[in-house]
Amino acid sequence: MKAVPLSIFHATTKDTELMGYNIPKVNGPQMCLRESLAHMELFFALVTLLRRFTFIWPEDAGEPDFTPIYGATLTPKPYCMKIQRRKSQEEVSRLSTESERSGPNGCKDG
């Protein structure tokens, strides 16, 4: 079984063959298109999470430590957050309609 080079080089200056695998020279529009699509997908994923959930830093956790962990890549230290699902637009509309029907002290009329 041959090993596949995954984390060595990401681009070449000319078409290259490495361990039987063809690594084409990638630059210009092809590379930009892939990168743009990846950025767009990450953006949509992040926006979807932010629209559906509220991220809350725990009160007892203190200040976050942004010191990176060094390895093959720089990664942040792991930490825990509280995640709450946001109310849907229908729930917000229903709750505001119910509060309009309530009396001045919060009790329902009738």
PDB file of N, CA and C in Angstrom:
ATOM      1  N   MET A   1       0.847  -1.177   0.000  1.00  0.00           N
ATOM      2  CA  MET A   1       0.000   0.000   0.000  1.00  0.00           C
ATOM      3  C   MET A   1       0.888   1.234   0.000  1.00  0.00           C
ATOM      4  N   LYS A   2       0.652   2.136  -0.942  1.00  0.00           N
ATOM      5  CA  LYS A   2       1.449   3.356  -1.043  1.00  0.00           C
ATOM      6  C   LYS A   2       0.919   4.416  -0.082  1.00  0.00           C
ATOM      7  N   ALA A   3       1.830   5.207   0.429  1.00  0.00           N
ATOM      8  CA  ALA A   3       1.446   6.327   1.280  1.00  0.00           C
ATOM      9  C   ALA A   3       1.089   7.509   0.391  1.00  0.00           C
ATOM     10  N   VAL A   4       0.059   8.239   0.768  1.00  0.00           N
ATOM     11  CA  VAL A   4      -0.362   9.407   0.001  1.00  0.00           C
ATOM     12  C   VAL A   4       0.181  10.642   0.698  1.00  0.00           C
ATOM     13  N   PRO A   5       0.928  11.490  -0.009  1.00  0.00           N
ATOM     14  CA  PRO A   5       1.438  12.710   0.627  1.00  0.00           C
ATOM     15  C   PRO A   5       0.293  13.692   0.860  1.00  0.00           C
ATOM     16  N   LEU A   6       0.017  13.990   2.123  1.00  0.00           N
ATOM     17  CA  LEU A   6      -1.096  14.873   2.434  1.00  0.00           C
ATOM     18  C   LEU A   6      -0.663  16.233   2.959  1.00  0.00           C
ATOM     19  N   SER A   7       0.342  16.262   3.791  1.00  0.00           N
ATOM     20  CA  SER A   7       0.657  17.532   4.438  1.00  0.00           C
ATOM     21  C   SER A   7       2.081  17.997   4.163  1.00  0.00           C
ATOM     22  N   ILE A   8       2.583  17.698   2.988  1.00  0.00           N
ATOM     23  CA  ILE A   8       3.943  18.123   2.685  1.00  0.00           C
ATOM     24  C   ILE A   8       3.901  19.443   1.931  1.00  0.00           C
ATOM     25  N   PHE A   9       3.549  19.394   0.643  1.00  0.00           N
ATOM     26  CA  PHE A   9       3.486  20.596  -0.164  1.00  0.00           C
ATOM     27  C   PHE A   9       2.063  20.768  -0.673  1.00  0.00           C
ATOM     28  N   HIS A  10       1.638  21.994  -0.814  1.00  0.00           N
ATOM     29  CA  HIS A  10       0.290  22.272  -1.292  1.00  0.00           C
ATOM     30  C   HIS A  10       0.282  22.790  -2.723  1.00  0.00           C
ATOM     31  N   ALA A  11       1.416  23.160  -3.253  1.00  0.00           N
ATOM     32  CA  ALA A  11       1.507  23.654  -4.622  1.00  0.00           C
ATOM     33  C   ALA A  11       2.917  23.407  -5.136  1.00  0.00           C
ATOM     34  N   THR A  12       3.049  23.393  -6.443  1.00  0.00           N
ATOM     35  CA  THR A  12       4.363  23.220  -7.053  1.00  0.00           C
ATOM     36  C   THR A  12       4.587  24.337  -8.058  1.00  0.00           C
ATOM     37  N   THR A  13       5.838  24.518  -8.453  1.00  0.00           N
ATOM     38  CA  THR A  13       6.155  25.534  -9.453  1.00  0.00           C
ATOM     39  C   THR A  13       6.054  24.993 -10.863  1.00  0.00           C
ATOM     40  N   LYS A  14       5.963  23.656 -11.016  1.00  0.00           N
ATOM     41  CA  LYS A  14       5.764  23.012 -12.317  1.00  0.00           C
ATOM     42  C   LYS A  14       5.071  21.679 -12.073  1.00  0.00           C
ATOM     43  N   ASP A  15       4.500  21.091 -13.127  1.00  0.00           N
ATOM     44  CA  ASP A  15       3.876  19.774 -12.986  1.00  0.00           C
ATOM     45  C   ASP A  15       4.900  18.791 -12.448  1.00  0.00           C
ATOM     46  N   THR A  16       4.537  18.042 -11.402  1.00  0.00           N
ATOM     47  CA  THR A  16       5.475  17.168 -10.706  1.00  0.00           C
ATOM     48  C   THR A  16       4.821  15.816 -10.453  1.00  0.00           C
ATOM     49  N   GLU A  17       5.628  14.778 -10.418  1.00  0.00           N
ATOM     50  CA  GLU A  17       5.147  13.467 -10.020  1.00  0.00           C
ATOM     51  C   GLU A  17       5.886  13.080  -8.753  1.00  0.00           C
ATOM     52  N   LEU A  18       5.124  12.705  -7.710  1.00  0.00           N
ATOM     53  CA  LEU A  18       5.692  12.342  -6.423  1.00  0.00           C
ATOM     54  C   LEU A  18       5.099  11.010  -6.006  1.00  0.00           C
ATOM     55  N   MET A  19       5.953   9.987  -5.884  1.00  0.00           N
ATOM     56  CA  MET A  19       5.530   8.650  -5.478  1.00  0.00           C
ATOM     57  C   MET A  19       4.385   8.130  -6.354  1.00  0.00           C
ATOM     58  N   GLY A  20       4.437   8.431  -7.646  1.00  0.00           N
ATOM     59  CA  GLY A  20       3.424   7.954  -8.566  1.00  0.00           C
ATOM     60  C   GLY A  20       2.192   8.834  -8.650  1.00  0.00           C
ATOM     61  N   TYR A  21       2.111   9.888  -7.844  1.00  0.00           N
ATOM     62  CA  TYR A  21       0.970  10.797  -7.868  1.00  0.00           C
ATOM     63  C   TYR A  21       1.349  12.047  -8.645  1.00  0.00           C
ATOM     64  N   ASN A  22       0.458  12.452  -9.571  1.00  0.00           N
ATOM     65  CA  ASN A  22       0.698  13.658 -10.358  1.00  0.00           C
ATOM     66  C   ASN A  22       0.233  14.868  -9.559  1.00  0.00           C
ATOM     67  N   ILE A  23       1.114  15.819  -9.357  1.00  0.00           N
ATOM     68  CA  ILE A  23       0.777  17.053  -8.647  1.00  0.00           C
ATOM     69  C   ILE A  23       0.899  18.186  -9.666  1.00  0.00           C
ATOM     70  N   PRO A  24      -0.246  18.661 -10.179  1.00  0.00           N
ATOM     71  CA  PRO A  24      -0.169  19.701 -11.205  1.00  0.00           C
ATOM     72  C   PRO A  24       0.169  21.059 -10.598  1.00  0.00           C
ATOM     73  N   LYS A  25       0.751  21.903 -11.421  1.00  0.00           N
ATOM     74  CA  LYS A  25       1.008  23.279 -11.004  1.00  0.00           C
ATOM     75  C   LYS A  25      -0.347  23.976 -10.943  1.00  0.00           C
ATOM     76  N   VAL A  26      -0.685  24.507  -9.801  1.00  0.00           N
ATOM     77  CA  VAL A  26      -1.979  25.158  -9.616  1.00  0.00           C
ATOM     78  C   VAL A  26      -1.735  26.597  -9.201  1.00  0.00           C
ATOM     79  N   ASN A  27      -2.207  27.497 -10.019  1.00  0.00           N
ATOM     80  CA  ASN A  27      -2.172  28.909  -9.668  1.00  0.00           C
ATOM     81  C   ASN A  27      -3.191  29.629 -10.523  1.00  0.00           C
ATOM     82  N   GLY A  28      -3.345  30.876 -10.314  1.00  0.00           N
ATOM     83  CA  GLY A  28      -4.269  31.658 -11.125  1.00  0.00           C
ATOM     84  C   GLY A  28      -5.718  31.354 -10.803  1.00  0.00           C
ATOM     85  N   PRO A  29      -6.589  31.393 -11.822  1.00  0.00           N
ATOM     86  CA  PRO A  29      -8.031  31.274 -11.594  1.00  0.00           C
ATOM     87  C   PRO A  29      -8.458  29.987 -10.909  1.00  0.00           C
ATOM     88  N   GLN A  30      -7.800  28.850 -11.236  1.00  0.00           N
ATOM     89  CA  GLN A  30      -8.181  27.580 -10.601  1.00  0.00           C
ATOM     90  C   GLN A  30      -8.000  27.646  -9.095  1.00  0.00           C
ATOM     91  N   MET A  31      -6.844  28.084  -8.674  1.00  0.00           N
ATOM     92  CA  MET A  31      -6.561  28.138  -7.237  1.00  0.00           C
ATOM     93  C   MET A  31      -7.480  29.150  -6.558  1.00  0.00           C
ATOM     94  N   CYS A  32      -7.676  30.292  -7.179  1.00  0.00           N
ATOM     95  CA  CYS A  32      -8.535  31.319  -6.584  1.00  0.00           C
ATOM     96  C   CYS A  32      -9.975  30.835  -6.473  1.00  0.00           C
ATOM     97  N   LEU A  33     -10.455  30.092  -7.465  1.00  0.00           N
ATOM     98  CA  LEU A  33     -11.820  29.591  -7.423  1.00  0.00           C
ATOM     99  C   LEU A  33     -12.000  28.637  -6.247  1.00  0.00           C
ATOM    100  N   ARG A  34     -11.084  27.707  -6.079  1.00  0.00           N
ATOM    101  CA  ARG A  34     -11.176  26.760  -4.953  1.00  0.00           C
ATOM    102  C   ARG A  34     -11.126  27.487  -3.619  1.00  0.00           C
ATOM    103  N   GLU A  35     -10.206  28.419  -3.511  1.00  0.00           N
ATOM    104  CA  GLU A  35     -10.060  29.155  -2.258  1.00  0.00           C
ATOM    105  C   GLU A  35     -11.309  29.987  -1.979  1.00  0.00           C
ATOM    106  N   SER A  36     -11.842  30.637  -3.011  1.00  0.00           N
ATOM    107  CA  SER A  36     -13.055  31.443  -2.848  1.00  0.00           C
ATOM    108  C   SER A  36     -14.236  30.579  -2.410  1.00  0.00           C
ATOM    109  N   LEU A  37     -14.378  29.400  -3.026  1.00  0.00           N
ATOM    110  CA  LEU A  37     -15.469  28.509  -2.638  1.00  0.00           C
ATOM    111  C   LEU A  37     -15.313  28.030  -1.198  1.00  0.00           C
ATOM    112  N   ALA A  38     -14.088  27.721  -0.801  1.00  0.00           N
ATOM    113  CA  ALA A  38     -13.855  27.277   0.576  1.00  0.00           C
ATOM    114  C   ALA A  38     -14.189  28.392   1.563  1.00  0.00           C
ATOM    115  N   HIS A  39     -13.784  29.621   1.255  1.00  0.00           N
ATOM    116  CA  HIS A  39     -14.092  30.756   2.138  1.00  0.00           C
ATOM    117  C   HIS A  39     -15.591  30.975   2.221  1.00  0.00           C
ATOM    118  N   MET A  40     -16.275  30.859   1.079  1.00  0.00           N
ATOM    119  CA  MET A  40     -17.718  31.053   1.052  1.00  0.00           C
ATOM    120  C   MET A  40     -18.427  29.986   1.890  1.00  0.00           C
ATOM    121  N   GLU A  41     -18.000  28.736   1.766  1.00  0.00           N
ATOM    122  CA  GLU A  41     -18.618  27.663   2.551  1.00  0.00           C
ATOM    123  C   GLU A  41     -18.391  27.867   4.042  1.00  0.00           C
ATOM    124  N   LEU A  42     -17.182  28.255   4.429  1.00  0.00           N
ATOM    125  CA  LEU A  42     -16.914  28.537   5.843  1.00  0.00           C
ATOM    126  C   LEU A  42     -17.767  29.693   6.348  1.00  0.00           C
ATOM    127  N   PHE A  43     -17.909  30.722   5.530  1.00  0.00           N
ATOM    128  CA  PHE A  43     -18.724  31.883   5.897  1.00  0.00           C
ATOM    129  C   PHE A  43     -20.174  31.459   6.125  1.00  0.00           C
ATOM    130  N   PHE A  44     -20.747  30.676   5.188  1.00  0.00           N
ATOM    131  CA  PHE A  44     -22.136  30.233   5.335  1.00  0.00           C
ATOM    132  C   PHE A  44     -22.324  29.346   6.558  1.00  0.00           C
ATOM    133  N   ALA A  45     -21.359  28.482   6.834  1.00  0.00           N
ATOM    134  CA  ALA A  45     -21.452  27.616   8.016  1.00  0.00           C
ATOM    135  C   ALA A  45     -21.436  28.452   9.294  1.00  0.00           C
ATOM    136  N   LEU A  46     -20.536  29.434   9.363  1.00  0.00           N
ATOM    137  CA  LEU A  46     -20.442  30.288  10.546  1.00  0.00           C
ATOM    138  C   LEU A  46     -21.701  31.122  10.726  1.00  0.00           C
ATOM    139  N   VAL A  47     -22.209  31.702   9.636  1.00  0.00           N
ATOM    140  CA  VAL A  47     -23.423  32.513   9.717  1.00  0.00           C
ATOM    141  C   VAL A  47     -24.608  31.662  10.174  1.00  0.00           C
ATOM    142  N   THR A  48     -24.707  30.441   9.671  1.00  0.00           N
ATOM    143  CA  THR A  48     -25.787  29.549  10.080  1.00  0.00           C
ATOM    144  C   THR A  48     -25.722  29.262  11.577  1.00  0.00           C
ATOM    145  N   LEU A  49     -24.524  28.988  12.087  1.00  0.00           N
ATOM    146  CA  LEU A  49     -24.373  28.748  13.533  1.00  0.00           C
ATOM    147  C   LEU A  49     -24.744  29.987  14.343  1.00  0.00           C
ATOM    148  N   LEU A  50     -24.293  31.159  13.901  1.00  0.00           N
ATOM    149  CA  LEU A  50     -24.576  32.388  14.644  1.00  0.00           C
ATOM    150  C   LEU A  50     -26.051  32.765  14.589  1.00  0.00           C
ATOM    151  N   ARG A  51     -26.749  32.414  13.509  1.00  0.00           N
ATOM    152  CA  ARG A  51     -28.178  32.707  13.408  1.00  0.00           C
ATOM    153  C   ARG A  51     -29.012  31.772  14.268  1.00  0.00           C
ATOM    154  N   ARG A  52     -28.571  30.532  14.430  1.00  0.00           N
ATOM    155  CA  ARG A  52     -29.374  29.536  15.141  1.00  0.00           C
ATOM    156  C   ARG A  52     -29.030  29.402  16.610  1.00  0.00           C
ATOM    157  N   PHE A  53     -27.842  29.838  17.012  1.00  0.00           N
ATOM    158  CA  PHE A  53     -27.401  29.643  18.389  1.00  0.00           C
ATOM    159  C   PHE A  53     -26.809  30.917  18.971  1.00  0.00           C
ATOM    160  N   THR A  54     -26.881  31.021  20.300  1.00  0.00           N
ATOM    161  CA  THR A  54     -26.207  32.071  21.043  1.00  0.00           C
ATOM    162  C   THR A  54     -25.052  31.414  21.775  1.00  0.00           C
ATOM    163  N   PHE A  55     -23.852  31.945  21.614  1.00  0.00           N
ATOM    164  CA  PHE A  55     -22.664  31.400  22.271  1.00  0.00           C
ATOM    165  C   PHE A  55     -22.357  32.251  23.496  1.00  0.00           C
ATOM    166  N   ILE A  56     -22.299  31.593  24.657  1.00  0.00           N
ATOM    167  CA  ILE A  56     -22.150  32.306  25.932  1.00  0.00           C
ATOM    168  C   ILE A  56     -20.900  31.806  26.648  1.00  0.00           C
ATOM    169  N   TRP A  57     -20.022  32.722  27.015  1.00  0.00           N
ATOM    170  CA  TRP A  57     -18.833  32.377  27.776  1.00  0.00           C
ATOM    171  C   TRP A  57     -19.259  32.164  29.223  1.00  0.00           C
ATOM    172  N   PRO A  58     -18.934  31.025  29.840  1.00  0.00           N
ATOM    173  CA  PRO A  58     -19.357  30.762  31.219  1.00  0.00           C
ATOM    174  C   PRO A  58     -18.794  31.804  32.186  1.00  0.00           C
ATOM    175  N   GLU A  59     -19.639  32.228  33.126  1.00  0.00           N
ATOM    176  CA  GLU A  59     -19.221  33.254  34.090  1.00  0.00           C
ATOM    177  C   GLU A  59     -18.080  32.769  34.978  1.00  0.00           C
ATOM    178  N   ASP A  60     -18.069  31.480  35.319  1.00  0.00           N
ATOM    179  CA  ASP A  60     -17.048  30.962  36.223  1.00  0.00           C
ATOM    180  C   ASP A  60     -15.750  30.578  35.507  1.00  0.00           C
ATOM    181  N   ALA A  61     -15.660  30.806  34.197  1.00  0.00           N
ATOM    182  CA  ALA A  61     -14.475  30.396  33.428  1.00  0.00           C
ATOM    183  C   ALA A  61     -13.360  31.432  33.454  1.00  0.00           C
ATOM    184  N   GLY A  62     -13.654  32.656  33.887  1.00  0.00           N
ATOM    185  CA  GLY A  62     -12.628  33.697  33.881  1.00  0.00           C
ATOM    186  C   GLY A  62     -12.352  34.177  32.471  1.00  0.00           C
ATOM    187  N   GLU A  63     -11.198  34.795  32.281  1.00  0.00           N
ATOM    188  CA  GLU A  63     -10.820  35.308  30.970  1.00  0.00           C
ATOM    189  C   GLU A  63     -10.296  34.180  30.084  1.00  0.00           C
ATOM    190  N   PRO A  64     -10.623  34.198  28.770  1.00  0.00           N
ATOM    191  CA  PRO A  64     -10.101  33.157  27.878  1.00  0.00           C
ATOM    192  C   PRO A  64      -8.597  33.304  27.670  1.00  0.00           C
ATOM    193  N   ASP A  65      -7.896  32.184  27.524  1.00  0.00           N
ATOM    194  CA  ASP A  65      -6.460  32.175  27.277  1.00  0.00           C
ATOM    195  C   ASP A  65      -6.238  31.970  25.783  1.00  0.00           C
ATOM    196  N   PHE A  66      -5.722  32.989  25.107  1.00  0.00           N
ATOM    197  CA  PHE A  66      -5.526  32.930  23.662  1.00  0.00           C
ATOM    198  C   PHE A  66      -4.130  32.479  23.268  1.00  0.00           C
ATOM    199  N   THR A  67      -3.366  31.958  24.217  1.00  0.00           N
ATOM    200  CA  THR A  67      -2.035  31.447  23.900  1.00  0.00           C
ATOM    201  C   THR A  67      -2.170  30.218  23.013  1.00  0.00           C
ATOM    202  N   PRO A  68      -1.527  30.204  21.827  1.00  0.00           N
ATOM    203  CA  PRO A  68      -1.695  29.061  20.929  1.00  0.00           C
ATOM    204  C   PRO A  68      -0.911  27.837  21.391  1.00  0.00           C
ATOM    205  N   ILE A  69      -1.352  26.675  20.922  1.00  0.00           N
ATOM    206  CA  ILE A  69      -0.631  25.428  21.140  1.00  0.00           C
ATOM    207  C   ILE A  69       0.154  25.167  19.859  1.00  0.00           C
ATOM    208  N   TYR A  70       1.467  25.013  19.993  1.00  0.00           N
ATOM    209  CA  TYR A  70       2.317  24.821  18.822  1.00  0.00           C
ATOM    210  C   TYR A  70       2.401  23.348  18.462  1.00  0.00           C
ATOM    211  N   GLY A  71       2.297  23.060  17.177  1.00  0.00           N
ATOM    212  CA  GLY A  71       2.395  21.699  16.660  1.00  0.00           C
ATOM    213  C   GLY A  71       2.580  21.800  15.161  1.00  0.00           C
ATOM    214  N   ALA A  72       1.988  20.890  14.412  1.00  0.00           N
ATOM    215  CA  ALA A  72       2.044  20.989  12.955  1.00  0.00           C
ATOM    216  C   ALA A  72       1.344  22.258  12.494  1.00  0.00           C
ATOM    217  N   THR A  73       0.309  22.657  13.239  1.00  0.00           N
ATOM    218  CA  THR A  73      -0.377  23.928  13.002  1.00  0.00           C
ATOM    219  C   THR A  73      -0.541  24.632  14.336  1.00  0.00           C
ATOM    220  N   LEU A  74      -0.813  25.918  14.315  1.00  0.00           N
ATOM    221  CA  LEU A  74      -1.124  26.647  15.539  1.00  0.00           C
ATOM    222  C   LEU A  74      -2.596  26.450  15.837  1.00  0.00           C
ATOM    223  N   THR A  75      -2.923  25.991  17.028  1.00  0.00           N
ATOM    224  CA  THR A  75      -4.316  25.789  17.404  1.00  0.00           C
ATOM    225  C   THR A  75      -4.574  26.478  18.732  1.00  0.00           C
ATOM    226  N   PRO A  76      -5.807  26.931  18.942  1.00  0.00           N
ATOM    227  CA  PRO A  76      -6.125  27.541  20.241  1.00  0.00           C
ATOM    228  C   PRO A  76      -6.270  26.463  21.305  1.00  0.00           C
ATOM    229  N   LYS A  77      -6.137  26.874  22.553  1.00  0.00           N
ATOM    230  CA  LYS A  77      -6.359  25.939  23.656  1.00  0.00           C
ATOM    231  C   LYS A  77      -7.840  25.580  23.702  1.00  0.00           C
ATOM    232  N   PRO A  78      -8.174  24.353  24.081  1.00  0.00           N
ATOM    233  CA  PRO A  78      -9.593  23.977  24.155  1.00  0.00           C
ATOM    234  C   PRO A  78     -10.276  24.678  25.325  1.00  0.00           C
ATOM    235  N   TYR A  79     -11.533  25.005  25.147  1.00  0.00           N
ATOM    236  CA  TYR A  79     -12.326  25.612  26.209  1.00  0.00           C
ATOM    237  C   TYR A  79     -13.786  25.261  25.987  1.00  0.00           C
ATOM    238  N   CYS A  80     -14.590  25.434  27.008  1.00  0.00           N
ATOM    239  CA  CYS A  80     -16.010  25.108  26.937  1.00  0.00           C
ATOM    240  C   CYS A  80     -16.823  26.392  26.872  1.00  0.00           C
ATOM    241  N   MET A  81     -17.897  26.352  26.104  1.00  0.00           N
ATOM    242  CA  MET A  81     -18.835  27.466  26.024  1.00  0.00           C
ATOM    243  C   MET A  81     -20.245  26.914  26.164  1.00  0.00           C
ATOM    244  N   LYS A  82     -21.139  27.752  26.640  1.00  0.00           N
ATOM    245  CA  LYS A  82     -22.541  27.381  26.691  1.00  0.00           C
ATOM    246  C   LYS A  82     -23.172  27.812  25.367  1.00  0.00           C
ATOM    247  N   ILE A  83     -23.949  26.919  24.752  1.00  0.00           N
ATOM    248  CA  ILE A  83     -24.594  27.212  23.486  1.00  0.00           C
ATOM    249  C   ILE A  83     -26.091  27.053  23.676  1.00  0.00           C
ATOM    250  N   GLN A  84     -26.827  28.126  23.366  1.00  0.00           N
ATOM    251  CA  GLN A  84     -28.288  28.093  23.488  1.00  0.00           C
ATOM    252  C   GLN A  84     -28.901  28.251  22.101  1.00  0.00           C
ATOM    253  N   ARG A  85     -29.921  27.453  21.833  1.00  0.00           N
ATOM    254  CA  ARG A  85     -30.637  27.589  20.558  1.00  0.00           C
ATOM    255  C   ARG A  85     -31.468  28.861  20.609  1.00  0.00           C
ATOM    256  N   ARG A  86     -31.386  29.663  19.556  1.00  0.00           N
ATOM    257  CA  ARG A  86     -32.189  30.890  19.488  1.00  0.00           C
ATOM    258  C   ARG A  86     -33.640  30.527  19.182  1.00  0.00           C
ATOM    259  N   LYS A  87     -34.551  31.403  19.570  1.00  0.00           N
ATOM    260  CA  LYS A  87     -35.963  31.185  19.252  1.00  0.00           C
ATOM    261  C   LYS A  87     -36.171  31.439  17.767  1.00  0.00           C
ATOM    262  N   SER A  88     -37.047  30.642  17.149  1.00  0.00           N
ATOM    263  CA  SER A  88     -37.358  30.839  15.731  1.00  0.00           C
ATOM    264  C   SER A  88     -38.233  32.076  15.584  1.00  0.00           C
ATOM    265  N   GLN A  89     -38.357  32.586  14.373  1.00  0.00           N
ATOM    266  CA  GLN A  89     -39.176  33.774  14.120  1.00  0.00           C
ATOM    267  C   GLN A  89     -40.628  33.515  14.489  1.00  0.00           C
ATOM    268  N   GLU A  90     -41.105  32.276  14.270  1.00  0.00           N
ATOM    269  CA  GLU A  90     -42.488  31.939  14.625  1.00  0.00           C
ATOM    270  C   GLU A  90     -42.681  32.017  16.135  1.00  0.00           C
ATOM    271  N   GLU A  91     -41.702  31.530  16.902  1.00  0.00           N
ATOM    272  CA  GLU A  91     -41.799  31.573  18.359  1.00  0.00           C
ATOM    273  C   GLU A  91     -41.801  33.016  18.853  1.00  0.00           C
ATOM    274  N   VAL A  92     -40.963  33.858  18.258  1.00  0.00           N
ATOM    275  CA  VAL A  92     -40.907  35.265  18.657  1.00  0.00           C
ATOM    276  C   VAL A  92     -42.236  35.940  18.361  1.00  0.00           C
ATOM    277  N   SER A  93     -42.812  35.677  17.182  1.00  0.00           N
ATOM    278  CA  SER A  93     -44.112  36.265  16.819  1.00  0.00           C
ATOM    279  C   SER A  93     -45.204  35.791  17.767  1.00  0.00           C
ATOM    280  N   ARG A  94     -45.214  34.489  18.061  1.00  0.00           N
ATOM    281  CA  ARG A  94     -46.233  33.927  18.960  1.00  0.00           C
ATOM    282  C   ARG A  94     -46.114  34.527  20.357  1.00  0.00           C
ATOM    283  N   LEU A  95     -44.887  34.659  20.866  1.00  0.00           N
ATOM    284  CA  LEU A  95     -44.694  35.216  22.202  1.00  0.00           C
ATOM    285  C   LEU A  95     -45.112  36.681  22.264  1.00  0.00           C
ATOM    286  N   SER A  96     -44.805  37.457  21.210  1.00  0.00           N
ATOM    287  CA  SER A  96     -45.195  38.872  21.220  1.00  0.00           C
ATOM    288  C   SER A  96     -46.709  39.010  21.115  1.00  0.00           C
ATOM    289  N   THR A  97     -47.377  38.111  20.357  1.00  0.00           N
ATOM    290  CA  THR A  97     -48.837  38.130  20.259  1.00  0.00           C
ATOM    291  C   THR A  97     -49.456  37.789  21.606  1.00  0.00           C
ATOM    292  N   GLU A  98     -48.891  36.795  22.305  1.00  0.00           N
ATOM    293  CA  GLU A  98     -49.402  36.417  23.625  1.00  0.00           C
ATOM    294  C   GLU A  98     -49.217  37.549  24.625  1.00  0.00           C
ATOM    295  N   SER A  99     -48.109  38.265  24.549  1.00  0.00           N
ATOM    296  CA  SER A  99     -47.881  39.352  25.508  1.00  0.00           C
ATOM    297  C   SER A  99     -48.813  40.521  25.228  1.00  0.00           C
ATOM    298  N   GLU A 100     -49.223  40.711  23.947  1.00  0.00           N
ATOM    299  CA  GLU A 100     -50.171  41.781  23.631  1.00  0.00           C
ATOM    300  C   GLU A 100     -51.552  41.461  24.185  1.00  0.00           C
ATOM    301  N   ARG A 101     -51.908  40.181  24.271  1.00  0.00           N
ATOM    302  CA  ARG A 101     -53.202  39.765  24.799  1.00  0.00           C
ATOM    303  C   ARG A 101     -53.240  39.814  26.321  1.00  0.00           C
ATOM    304  N   SER A 102     -52.090  39.902  26.958  1.00  0.00           N
ATOM    305  CA  SER A 102     -52.021  39.909  28.419  1.00  0.00           C
ATOM    306  C   SER A 102     -52.464  41.261  28.938  1.00  0.00           C
ATOM    307  N   GLY A 103     -52.951  41.240  30.160  1.00  0.00           N
ATOM    308  CA  GLY A 103     -53.327  42.476  30.826  1.00  0.00           C
ATOM    309  C   GLY A 103     -52.099  43.225  31.295  1.00  0.00           C
ATOM    310  N   PRO A 104     -52.265  44.369  31.967  1.00  0.00           N
ATOM    311  CA  PRO A 104     -51.134  45.171  32.402  1.00  0.00           C
ATOM    312  C   PRO A 104     -50.252  44.479  33.438  1.00  0.00           C
ATOM    313  N   ASN A 105     -50.800  43.535  34.212  1.00  0.00           N
ATOM    314  CA  ASN A 105     -49.985  42.848  35.211  1.00  0.00           C
ATOM    315  C   ASN A 105     -49.500  41.489  34.725  1.00  0.00           C
ATOM    316  N   GLY A 106     -49.632  41.203  33.396  1.00  0.00           N
ATOM    317  CA  GLY A 106     -49.164  39.948  32.832  1.00  0.00           C
ATOM    318  C   GLY A 106     -50.206  38.863  32.818  1.00  0.00           C
ATOM    319  N   CYS A 107     -51.396  39.113  33.385  1.00  0.00           N
ATOM    320  CA  CYS A 107     -52.456  38.099  33.390  1.00  0.00           C
ATOM    321  C   CYS A 107     -53.265  38.231  32.118  1.00  0.00           C
ATOM    322  N   LYS A 108     -53.749  37.100  31.610  1.00  0.00           N
ATOM    323  CA  LYS A 108     -54.557  37.116  30.396  1.00  0.00           C
ATOM    324  C   LYS A 108     -55.937  37.644  30.704  1.00  0.00           C
ATOM    325  N   ASP A 109     -56.487  38.402  29.743  1.00  0.00           N
ATOM    326  CA  ASP A 109     -57.845  38.956  29.922  1.00  0.00           C
ATOM    327  C   ASP A 109     -58.869  37.836  29.849  1.00  0.00           C
ATOM    328  N   GLY A 110     -59.919  37.969  30.623  1.00  0.00           N
ATOM    329  CA  GLY A 110     -61.050  37.043  30.532  1.00  0.00           C
ATOM    330  C   GLY A 110     -60.838  35.880  31.358  1.00  0.00           C
TER     331      GLY A 110
END
